Amino acid sequence: MTHFSIKPLALTALLLACGAAVHADSGRASVPLLPKYQQECAACHLAYPPGLLPARAWDRVMNGLDRHYGTDASLDAAAVQQIGQWLQAHADTYKRVSTEPPQDRITESAWFLRKHRKLDAPVWQHASVKSAANCAACHTRAEQGSFDESELQFPRGLDARYRRAFQD
């Protein structure tokens, strides 16, 4: 019989690495939101966790606030710098983000499309959902950066025939 000797420090490092991987897969943001980011961005939409996009995508978003998905969301230079630096520091840390999605849209990223592939177009268009960008319509803790499947809710008023996609 072979015995393996694992030093306490090595074991601790291994457990921390495994824990971080599980945490990243659980759908939880690993960083608290910057208050300035929360204040400015959540005024119009969910303050998306920074790890949902790669750093270059966040850079383009922050440098294009005057044309932010059809809206002028311009901020003063100090706010742009503060938020931009924070986004850069925490980008690429969520859901195996590896490629830049088309038009820097989270809802067009490969992982988002894969996770939501069973939802039909009418789900996104329903009055209680409005669009794929409205995470809180289904994810009860989206505002806390948690998108865990155990926290899903079926949107109010949505036809029951779409319920199966929420159970798979």
N, C-alpha and C. Protein backbone atom coordinates (compact mmCIF):
# COMPACT_ATOMS: atom_id res chain seq x y z
N MET A 1 0.84 -1.17 0.00
CA MET A 1 0.00 0.00 0.00
C MET A 1 0.89 1.25 0.00
N THR A 2 0.57 2.19 -0.85
CA THR A 2 1.36 3.41 -0.96
C THR A 2 0.71 4.51 -0.14
N HIS A 3 1.52 5.23 0.61
CA HIS A 3 1.04 6.36 1.40
C HIS A 3 1.56 7.64 0.78
N PHE A 4 0.69 8.62 0.67
CA PHE A 4 1.09 9.91 0.15
C PHE A 4 1.21 10.89 1.30
N SER A 5 2.26 11.65 1.26
CA SER A 5 2.46 12.66 2.30
C SER A 5 2.23 14.03 1.68
N ILE A 6 1.23 14.73 2.18
CA ILE A 6 0.95 16.07 1.68
C ILE A 6 1.23 17.05 2.81
N LYS A 7 2.09 17.99 2.54
CA LYS A 7 2.42 18.99 3.55
C LYS A 7 1.22 19.89 3.77
N PRO A 8 1.01 20.34 5.01
CA PRO A 8 -0.15 21.18 5.32
C PRO A 8 -0.28 22.40 4.41
N LEU A 9 0.82 23.06 4.08
CA LEU A 9 0.75 24.24 3.23
C LEU A 9 0.28 23.88 1.82
N ALA A 10 0.79 22.79 1.29
CA ALA A 10 0.38 22.35 -0.04
C ALA A 10 -1.09 21.96 -0.05
N LEU A 11 -1.54 21.29 1.00
CA LEU A 11 -2.94 20.90 1.11
C LEU A 11 -3.84 22.13 1.18
N THR A 12 -3.43 23.12 1.95
CA THR A 12 -4.20 24.36 2.06
C THR A 12 -4.30 25.04 0.70
N ALA A 13 -3.19 25.11 -0.02
CA ALA A 13 -3.20 25.74 -1.35
C ALA A 13 -4.12 24.99 -2.31
N LEU A 14 -4.08 23.67 -2.26
CA LEU A 14 -4.94 22.85 -3.11
C LEU A 14 -6.41 23.09 -2.80
N LEU A 15 -6.75 23.10 -1.51
CA LEU A 15 -8.14 23.32 -1.11
C LEU A 15 -8.61 24.72 -1.50
N LEU A 16 -7.76 25.71 -1.35
CA LEU A 16 -8.13 27.07 -1.75
C LEU A 16 -8.36 27.15 -3.25
N ALA A 17 -7.51 26.50 -4.03
CA ALA A 17 -7.68 26.50 -5.48
C ALA A 17 -8.97 25.83 -5.88
N CYS A 18 -9.28 24.70 -5.27
CA CYS A 18 -10.54 24.01 -5.56
C CYS A 18 -11.73 24.85 -5.15
N GLY A 19 -11.64 25.48 -4.01
CA GLY A 19 -12.72 26.34 -3.54
C GLY A 19 -12.95 27.50 -4.47
N ALA A 20 -11.88 28.09 -4.99
CA ALA A 20 -12.02 29.21 -5.92
C ALA A 20 -12.69 28.74 -7.21
N ALA A 21 -12.33 27.55 -7.68
CA ALA A 21 -12.95 27.04 -8.91
C ALA A 21 -14.44 26.79 -8.70
N VAL A 22 -14.80 26.22 -7.56
CA VAL A 22 -16.21 25.98 -7.27
C VAL A 22 -16.95 27.30 -7.16
N HIS A 23 -16.32 28.27 -6.48
CA HIS A 23 -16.95 29.59 -6.33
C HIS A 23 -17.18 30.23 -7.69
N ALA A 24 -16.20 30.15 -8.59
CA ALA A 24 -16.35 30.75 -9.92
C ALA A 24 -17.46 30.05 -10.69
N ASP A 25 -17.61 28.76 -10.54
CA ASP A 25 -18.64 28.03 -11.24
C ASP A 25 -20.02 28.20 -10.62
N SER A 26 -20.08 28.67 -9.39
CA SER A 26 -21.37 28.77 -8.72
C SER A 26 -22.21 29.92 -9.25
N GLY A 27 -21.60 30.80 -10.06
CA GLY A 27 -22.35 31.91 -10.60
C GLY A 27 -22.36 33.12 -9.68
N ARG A 28 -21.46 33.18 -8.74
CA ARG A 28 -21.42 34.31 -7.82
C ARG A 28 -20.26 35.23 -8.17
N ALA A 29 -20.52 36.51 -8.09
CA ALA A 29 -19.45 37.48 -8.30
C ALA A 29 -18.46 37.36 -7.15
N SER A 30 -17.19 37.46 -7.44
CA SER A 30 -16.20 37.30 -6.40
C SER A 30 -15.73 38.62 -5.83
N VAL A 31 -16.27 39.71 -6.30
CA VAL A 31 -15.81 41.02 -5.84
C VAL A 31 -17.03 41.91 -5.54
N PRO A 32 -16.99 42.62 -4.42
CA PRO A 32 -18.10 43.55 -4.14
C PRO A 32 -18.09 44.69 -5.16
N LEU A 33 -19.26 45.19 -5.48
CA LEU A 33 -19.36 46.26 -6.47
C LEU A 33 -18.80 47.56 -5.92
N LEU A 34 -18.10 48.28 -6.76
CA LEU A 34 -17.59 49.60 -6.44
C LEU A 34 -18.79 50.53 -6.26
N PRO A 35 -18.90 51.25 -5.17
CA PRO A 35 -20.07 52.12 -4.95
C PRO A 35 -20.33 53.10 -6.10
N LYS A 36 -19.29 53.69 -6.66
CA LYS A 36 -19.47 54.64 -7.78
C LYS A 36 -20.04 53.92 -9.00
N TYR A 37 -19.58 52.71 -9.25
CA TYR A 37 -20.10 51.90 -10.35
C TYR A 37 -21.57 51.58 -10.11
N GLN A 38 -21.88 51.17 -8.90
CA GLN A 38 -23.27 50.86 -8.54
C GLN A 38 -24.15 52.10 -8.73
N GLN A 39 -23.68 53.23 -8.24
CA GLN A 39 -24.44 54.48 -8.33
C GLN A 39 -24.70 54.89 -9.78
N GLU A 40 -23.68 54.86 -10.60
CA GLU A 40 -23.81 55.35 -11.98
C GLU A 40 -24.49 54.36 -12.91
N CYS A 41 -24.08 53.12 -12.86
CA CYS A 41 -24.58 52.13 -13.83
C CYS A 41 -25.94 51.57 -13.45
N ALA A 42 -26.15 51.32 -12.16
CA ALA A 42 -27.43 50.74 -11.73
C ALA A 42 -28.56 51.75 -11.78
N ALA A 43 -28.26 52.99 -12.07
CA ALA A 43 -29.32 53.99 -12.24
C ALA A 43 -30.17 53.67 -13.47
N CYS A 44 -29.58 52.95 -14.43
CA CYS A 44 -30.31 52.62 -15.67
C CYS A 44 -30.50 51.12 -15.90
N HIS A 45 -29.60 50.32 -15.41
CA HIS A 45 -29.67 48.87 -15.63
C HIS A 45 -28.93 48.16 -14.51
N LEU A 46 -28.98 46.87 -14.52
CA LEU A 46 -28.23 46.07 -13.54
C LEU A 46 -26.75 46.45 -13.62
N ALA A 47 -26.13 46.65 -12.49
CA ALA A 47 -24.69 46.89 -12.45
C ALA A 47 -24.02 45.51 -12.59
N TYR A 48 -23.76 45.13 -13.82
CA TYR A 48 -23.25 43.79 -14.11
C TYR A 48 -21.91 43.56 -13.42
N PRO A 49 -21.71 42.38 -12.87
CA PRO A 49 -20.41 42.06 -12.28
C PRO A 49 -19.31 42.24 -13.33
N PRO A 50 -18.18 42.83 -12.95
CA PRO A 50 -17.13 43.12 -13.92
C PRO A 50 -16.53 41.89 -14.58
N GLY A 51 -16.60 40.76 -13.93
CA GLY A 51 -16.03 39.55 -14.49
C GLY A 51 -16.80 38.98 -15.66
N LEU A 52 -17.96 39.56 -15.98
CA LEU A 52 -18.76 39.04 -17.09
C LEU A 52 -18.21 39.41 -18.46
N LEU A 53 -17.29 40.36 -18.51
CA LEU A 53 -16.69 40.76 -19.78
C LEU A 53 -15.17 40.77 -19.67
N PRO A 54 -14.49 40.57 -20.77
CA PRO A 54 -13.03 40.71 -20.78
C PRO A 54 -12.64 42.19 -20.61
N ALA A 55 -11.41 42.42 -20.18
CA ALA A 55 -10.92 43.77 -19.93
C ALA A 55 -11.04 44.68 -21.15
N ARG A 56 -10.69 44.19 -22.33
CA ARG A 56 -10.75 45.03 -23.54
C ARG A 56 -12.18 45.46 -23.84
N ALA A 57 -13.15 44.60 -23.57
CA ALA A 57 -14.55 44.96 -23.80
C ALA A 57 -14.97 46.07 -22.84
N TRP A 58 -14.59 45.94 -21.56
CA TRP A 58 -14.92 47.00 -20.60
C TRP A 58 -14.26 48.31 -21.00
N ASP A 59 -13.05 48.24 -21.52
CA ASP A 59 -12.36 49.44 -21.96
C ASP A 59 -13.15 50.14 -23.07
N ARG A 60 -13.65 49.38 -24.02
CA ARG A 60 -14.46 49.97 -25.10
C ARG A 60 -15.77 50.53 -24.56
N VAL A 61 -16.40 49.82 -23.62
CA VAL A 61 -17.65 50.31 -23.02
C VAL A 61 -17.40 51.66 -22.35
N MET A 62 -16.34 51.74 -21.55
CA MET A 62 -16.07 52.97 -20.81
C MET A 62 -15.63 54.11 -21.72
N ASN A 63 -14.98 53.79 -22.83
CA ASN A 63 -14.56 54.84 -23.77
C ASN A 63 -15.66 55.21 -24.77
N GLY A 64 -16.79 54.54 -24.69
CA GLY A 64 -17.90 54.84 -25.59
C GLY A 64 -19.18 55.19 -24.86
N LEU A 65 -19.07 55.75 -23.67
CA LEU A 65 -20.27 56.05 -22.87
C LEU A 65 -21.18 57.08 -23.54
N ASP A 66 -20.64 57.89 -24.42
CA ASP A 66 -21.47 58.87 -25.12
C ASP A 66 -22.41 58.21 -26.13
N ARG A 67 -22.15 56.95 -26.40
CA ARG A 67 -23.02 56.16 -27.31
C ARG A 67 -23.21 54.76 -26.74
N HIS A 68 -23.57 54.70 -25.48
CA HIS A 68 -23.70 53.46 -24.71
C HIS A 68 -24.97 52.72 -25.11
N TYR A 69 -24.85 51.84 -26.08
CA TYR A 69 -25.97 51.04 -26.57
C TYR A 69 -27.17 51.91 -26.90
N GLY A 70 -26.91 53.01 -27.61
CA GLY A 70 -27.98 53.90 -28.06
C GLY A 70 -28.34 55.02 -27.10
N THR A 71 -27.62 55.14 -26.01
CA THR A 71 -27.90 56.17 -25.01
C THR A 71 -26.62 56.92 -24.66
N ASP A 72 -26.74 58.19 -24.35
CA ASP A 72 -25.59 58.95 -23.87
C ASP A 72 -25.49 58.76 -22.36
N ALA A 73 -24.51 58.00 -21.94
CA ALA A 73 -24.31 57.71 -20.53
C ALA A 73 -23.00 58.34 -20.04
N SER A 74 -22.65 59.47 -20.63
CA SER A 74 -21.38 60.13 -20.30
C SER A 74 -21.25 60.41 -18.81
N LEU A 75 -20.03 60.28 -18.34
CA LEU A 75 -19.67 60.56 -16.94
C LEU A 75 -18.50 61.53 -16.94
N ASP A 76 -18.25 62.16 -15.79
CA ASP A 76 -17.08 63.04 -15.70
C ASP A 76 -15.82 62.19 -15.75
N ALA A 77 -14.71 62.84 -16.10
CA ALA A 77 -13.45 62.12 -16.31
C ALA A 77 -13.00 61.35 -15.07
N ALA A 78 -13.19 61.91 -13.90
CA ALA A 78 -12.77 61.21 -12.67
C ALA A 78 -13.56 59.92 -12.47
N ALA A 79 -14.86 59.98 -12.72
CA ALA A 79 -15.70 58.78 -12.57
C ALA A 79 -15.31 57.73 -13.61
N VAL A 80 -15.07 58.16 -14.84
CA VAL A 80 -14.66 57.22 -15.90
C VAL A 80 -13.36 56.53 -15.50
N GLN A 81 -12.41 57.30 -14.97
CA GLN A 81 -11.13 56.72 -14.59
C GLN A 81 -11.30 55.74 -13.42
N GLN A 82 -12.04 56.14 -12.39
CA GLN A 82 -12.23 55.29 -11.21
C GLN A 82 -12.94 53.99 -11.58
N ILE A 83 -14.05 54.11 -12.29
CA ILE A 83 -14.82 52.92 -12.67
C ILE A 83 -14.03 52.06 -13.65
N GLY A 84 -13.38 52.72 -14.62
CA GLY A 84 -12.61 51.98 -15.62
C GLY A 84 -11.48 51.17 -15.00
N GLN A 85 -10.76 51.76 -14.06
CA GLN A 85 -9.68 51.03 -13.39
C GLN A 85 -10.22 49.84 -12.61
N TRP A 86 -11.33 50.03 -11.94
CA TRP A 86 -11.93 48.95 -11.17
C TRP A 86 -12.40 47.82 -12.09
N LEU A 87 -13.04 48.19 -13.21
CA LEU A 87 -13.49 47.17 -14.16
C LEU A 87 -12.31 46.39 -14.72
N GLN A 88 -11.24 47.09 -15.06
CA GLN A 88 -10.05 46.43 -15.60
C GLN A 88 -9.46 45.45 -14.58
N ALA A 89 -9.44 45.86 -13.33
CA ALA A 89 -8.86 45.01 -12.28
C ALA A 89 -9.66 43.74 -12.03
N HIS A 90 -10.96 43.77 -12.35
CA HIS A 90 -11.82 42.63 -12.02
C HIS A 90 -12.47 41.98 -13.24
N ALA A 91 -12.01 42.34 -14.43
CA ALA A 91 -12.56 41.75 -15.66
C ALA A 91 -12.10 40.30 -15.82
N ASP A 92 -12.77 39.57 -16.70
CA ASP A 92 -12.35 38.20 -17.06
C ASP A 92 -12.38 37.20 -15.91
N THR A 93 -13.12 37.44 -14.87
CA THR A 93 -13.04 36.56 -13.70
C THR A 93 -14.29 35.74 -13.49
N TYR A 94 -15.16 35.65 -14.46
CA TYR A 94 -16.47 35.07 -14.24
C TYR A 94 -16.88 34.18 -15.40
N LYS A 95 -17.45 33.05 -15.09
CA LYS A 95 -18.05 32.16 -16.10
C LYS A 95 -17.13 31.84 -17.27
N ARG A 96 -15.87 31.66 -16.96
CA ARG A 96 -14.92 31.27 -18.01
C ARG A 96 -14.95 32.24 -19.19
N VAL A 97 -14.99 33.53 -18.91
CA VAL A 97 -14.97 34.54 -19.96
C VAL A 97 -13.62 34.47 -20.64
N SER A 98 -13.62 34.21 -21.93
CA SER A 98 -12.35 34.10 -22.63
C SER A 98 -12.33 34.88 -23.94
N THR A 99 -13.49 35.12 -24.51
CA THR A 99 -13.54 35.84 -25.78
C THR A 99 -14.42 37.07 -25.63
N GLU A 100 -14.15 38.04 -26.47
CA GLU A 100 -14.94 39.26 -26.45
C GLU A 100 -16.22 39.02 -27.25
N PRO A 101 -17.37 39.25 -26.64
CA PRO A 101 -18.63 39.01 -27.36
C PRO A 101 -18.88 40.10 -28.40
N PRO A 102 -19.68 39.80 -29.40
CA PRO A 102 -20.02 40.81 -30.41
C PRO A 102 -20.59 42.07 -29.74
N GLN A 103 -20.13 43.21 -30.19
CA GLN A 103 -20.59 44.51 -29.70
C GLN A 103 -20.45 44.64 -28.18
N ASP A 104 -19.57 43.85 -27.61
CA ASP A 104 -19.33 43.89 -26.16
C ASP A 104 -20.61 43.69 -25.35
N ARG A 105 -21.50 42.90 -25.88
CA ARG A 105 -22.77 42.60 -25.20
C ARG A 105 -22.66 41.30 -24.42
N ILE A 106 -22.88 41.37 -23.13
CA ILE A 106 -22.86 40.19 -22.28
C ILE A 106 -23.83 39.14 -22.81
N THR A 107 -24.98 39.59 -23.28
CA THR A 107 -26.02 38.67 -23.76
C THR A 107 -25.66 38.00 -25.09
N GLU A 108 -24.55 38.39 -25.69
CA GLU A 108 -24.08 37.75 -26.92
C GLU A 108 -22.82 36.91 -26.68
N SER A 109 -22.40 36.84 -25.43
CA SER A 109 -21.20 36.07 -25.12
C SER A 109 -21.49 34.57 -25.25
N ALA A 110 -20.45 33.82 -25.54
CA ALA A 110 -20.61 32.37 -25.75
C ALA A 110 -21.20 31.70 -24.52
N TRP A 111 -20.72 32.03 -23.32
CA TRP A 111 -21.23 31.37 -22.12
C TRP A 111 -22.69 31.74 -21.87
N PHE A 112 -23.08 32.99 -22.14
CA PHE A 112 -24.47 33.40 -21.92
C PHE A 112 -25.39 32.64 -22.88
N LEU A 113 -25.01 32.60 -24.14
CA LEU A 113 -25.83 31.90 -25.14
C LEU A 113 -25.95 30.41 -24.81
N ARG A 114 -24.87 29.81 -24.34
CA ARG A 114 -24.89 28.39 -23.96
C ARG A 114 -25.82 28.15 -22.77
N LYS A 115 -25.74 29.01 -21.76
CA LYS A 115 -26.56 28.83 -20.56
C LYS A 115 -28.04 29.10 -20.81
N HIS A 116 -28.37 29.89 -21.82
CA HIS A 116 -29.75 30.27 -22.08
C HIS A 116 -30.29 29.69 -23.39
N ARG A 117 -29.61 28.71 -23.94
CA ARG A 117 -29.96 28.17 -25.27
C ARG A 117 -31.36 27.55 -25.34
N LYS A 118 -31.92 27.13 -24.22
CA LYS A 118 -33.23 26.48 -24.25
C LYS A 118 -34.39 27.47 -24.15
N LEU A 119 -34.09 28.74 -23.98
CA LEU A 119 -35.16 29.74 -23.87
C LEU A 119 -35.56 30.22 -25.26
N ASP A 120 -36.84 30.23 -25.52
CA ASP A 120 -37.36 30.68 -26.80
C ASP A 120 -37.44 32.20 -26.84
N ALA A 121 -37.45 32.76 -28.04
CA ALA A 121 -37.51 34.21 -28.24
C ALA A 121 -38.68 34.87 -27.49
N PRO A 122 -39.86 34.27 -27.45
CA PRO A 122 -40.96 34.92 -26.72
C PRO A 122 -40.68 35.16 -25.23
N VAL A 123 -39.81 34.37 -24.64
CA VAL A 123 -39.45 34.58 -23.23
C VAL A 123 -38.80 35.95 -23.08
N TRP A 124 -37.83 36.25 -23.96
CA TRP A 124 -37.11 37.52 -23.89
C TRP A 124 -38.02 38.71 -24.18
N GLN A 125 -39.04 38.50 -24.97
CA GLN A 125 -39.93 39.59 -25.38
C GLN A 125 -41.11 39.79 -24.44
N HIS A 126 -41.31 38.90 -23.49
CA HIS A 126 -42.45 39.00 -22.59
C HIS A 126 -42.36 40.27 -21.75
N ALA A 127 -43.50 40.85 -21.42
CA ALA A 127 -43.54 42.12 -20.67
C ALA A 127 -42.81 42.05 -19.33
N SER A 128 -42.80 40.90 -18.67
CA SER A 128 -42.14 40.81 -17.37
C SER A 128 -40.63 40.57 -17.50
N VAL A 129 -40.17 40.28 -18.71
CA VAL A 129 -38.75 40.04 -18.94
C VAL A 129 -38.13 41.21 -19.72
N LYS A 130 -38.72 41.57 -20.82
CA LYS A 130 -38.35 42.70 -21.68
C LYS A 130 -37.15 42.45 -22.58
N SER A 131 -36.08 41.88 -22.05
CA SER A 131 -34.91 41.58 -22.88
C SER A 131 -33.99 40.62 -22.15
N ALA A 132 -33.05 40.07 -22.89
CA ALA A 132 -32.07 39.16 -22.29
C ALA A 132 -31.18 39.88 -21.29
N ALA A 133 -31.08 41.19 -21.39
CA ALA A 133 -30.24 41.97 -20.49
C ALA A 133 -30.89 42.18 -19.12
N ASN A 134 -32.16 41.83 -18.97
CA ASN A 134 -32.87 42.01 -17.71
C ASN A 134 -32.70 40.76 -16.84
N CYS A 135 -31.52 40.57 -16.34
CA CYS A 135 -31.19 39.36 -15.56
C CYS A 135 -32.12 39.15 -14.37
N ALA A 136 -32.52 40.25 -13.73
CA ALA A 136 -33.34 40.16 -12.51
C ALA A 136 -34.74 39.61 -12.77
N ALA A 137 -35.15 39.52 -14.03
CA ALA A 137 -36.46 38.95 -14.33
C ALA A 137 -36.52 37.48 -13.93
N CYS A 138 -35.40 36.80 -13.98
CA CYS A 138 -35.35 35.37 -13.65
C CYS A 138 -34.39 35.05 -12.51
N HIS A 139 -33.32 35.80 -12.42
CA HIS A 139 -32.29 35.54 -11.41
C HIS A 139 -32.58 36.42 -10.19
N THR A 140 -33.05 35.80 -9.13
CA THR A 140 -33.55 36.54 -7.97
C THR A 140 -32.45 37.32 -7.24
N ARG A 141 -31.20 36.94 -7.42
CA ARG A 141 -30.12 37.63 -6.73
C ARG A 141 -29.14 38.28 -7.71
N ALA A 142 -29.63 38.61 -8.89
CA ALA A 142 -28.77 39.23 -9.91
C ALA A 142 -28.14 40.52 -9.41
N GLU A 143 -28.88 41.31 -8.65
CA GLU A 143 -28.34 42.58 -8.16
C GLU A 143 -27.19 42.38 -7.17
N GLN A 144 -27.08 41.20 -6.60
CA GLN A 144 -25.96 40.88 -5.73
C GLN A 144 -24.85 40.16 -6.50
N GLY A 145 -25.02 40.02 -7.81
CA GLY A 145 -24.02 39.36 -8.63
C GLY A 145 -24.10 37.86 -8.62
N SER A 146 -25.22 37.31 -8.16
CA SER A 146 -25.38 35.86 -8.09
C SER A 146 -26.35 35.40 -9.17
N PHE A 147 -25.90 34.45 -9.97
CA PHE A 147 -26.71 33.91 -11.06
C PHE A 147 -26.84 32.39 -10.93
N ASP A 148 -26.81 31.92 -9.72
CA ASP A 148 -26.87 30.49 -9.44
C ASP A 148 -28.22 29.94 -9.92
N GLU A 149 -28.19 28.78 -10.53
CA GLU A 149 -29.41 28.18 -11.06
C GLU A 149 -30.42 27.84 -9.98
N SER A 150 -29.95 27.64 -8.75
CA SER A 150 -30.88 27.33 -7.65
C SER A 150 -31.69 28.56 -7.24
N GLU A 151 -31.32 29.72 -7.73
CA GLU A 151 -32.01 30.96 -7.39
C GLU A 151 -32.88 31.50 -8.52
N LEU A 152 -33.18 30.66 -9.49
CA LEU A 152 -34.03 31.08 -10.61
C LEU A 152 -35.49 31.17 -10.19
N GLN A 153 -36.19 32.11 -10.79
CA GLN A 153 -37.64 32.19 -10.62
C GLN A 153 -38.27 32.25 -12.01
N PHE A 154 -39.43 31.68 -12.14
CA PHE A 154 -40.17 31.73 -13.40
C PHE A 154 -40.83 33.11 -13.48
N PRO A 155 -40.59 33.87 -14.55
CA PRO A 155 -41.13 35.23 -14.64
C PRO A 155 -42.65 35.27 -14.55
N ARG A 156 -43.16 36.26 -13.84
CA ARG A 156 -44.60 36.45 -13.68
C ARG A 156 -45.28 36.63 -15.04
N GLY A 157 -46.40 35.98 -15.19
CA GLY A 157 -47.20 36.16 -16.38
C GLY A 157 -46.73 35.41 -17.61
N LEU A 158 -45.59 34.76 -17.54
CA LEU A 158 -45.07 34.03 -18.68
C LEU A 158 -45.83 32.72 -18.83
N ASP A 159 -46.19 32.38 -20.04
CA ASP A 159 -46.94 31.17 -20.32
C ASP A 159 -46.23 29.94 -19.75
N ALA A 160 -46.97 29.08 -19.10
CA ALA A 160 -46.42 27.90 -18.43
C ALA A 160 -45.70 26.95 -19.38
N ARG A 161 -45.97 27.01 -20.68
CA ARG A 161 -45.29 26.10 -21.61
C ARG A 161 -43.79 26.35 -21.67
N TYR A 162 -43.34 27.53 -21.19
CA TYR A 162 -41.91 27.84 -21.18
C TYR A 162 -41.23 27.39 -19.89
N ARG A 163 -42.00 26.88 -18.94
CA ARG A 163 -41.45 26.48 -17.65
C ARG A 163 -40.39 25.38 -17.78
N ARG A 164 -40.53 24.52 -18.75
CA ARG A 164 -39.60 23.39 -18.89
C ARG A 164 -38.15 23.86 -19.05
N ALA A 165 -37.96 24.95 -19.78
CA ALA A 165 -36.61 25.47 -19.98
C ALA A 165 -35.98 25.89 -18.65
N PHE A 166 -36.77 26.26 -17.68
CA PHE A 166 -36.27 26.68 -16.37
C PHE A 166 -35.95 25.49 -15.48
N GLN A 167 -36.43 24.32 -15.85
CA GLN A 167 -36.23 23.13 -15.03
C GLN A 167 -35.11 22.25 -15.55
N ASP A 168 -34.60 22.55 -16.73
CA ASP A 168 -33.53 21.73 -17.32
C ASP A 168 -32.17 22.18 -16.85
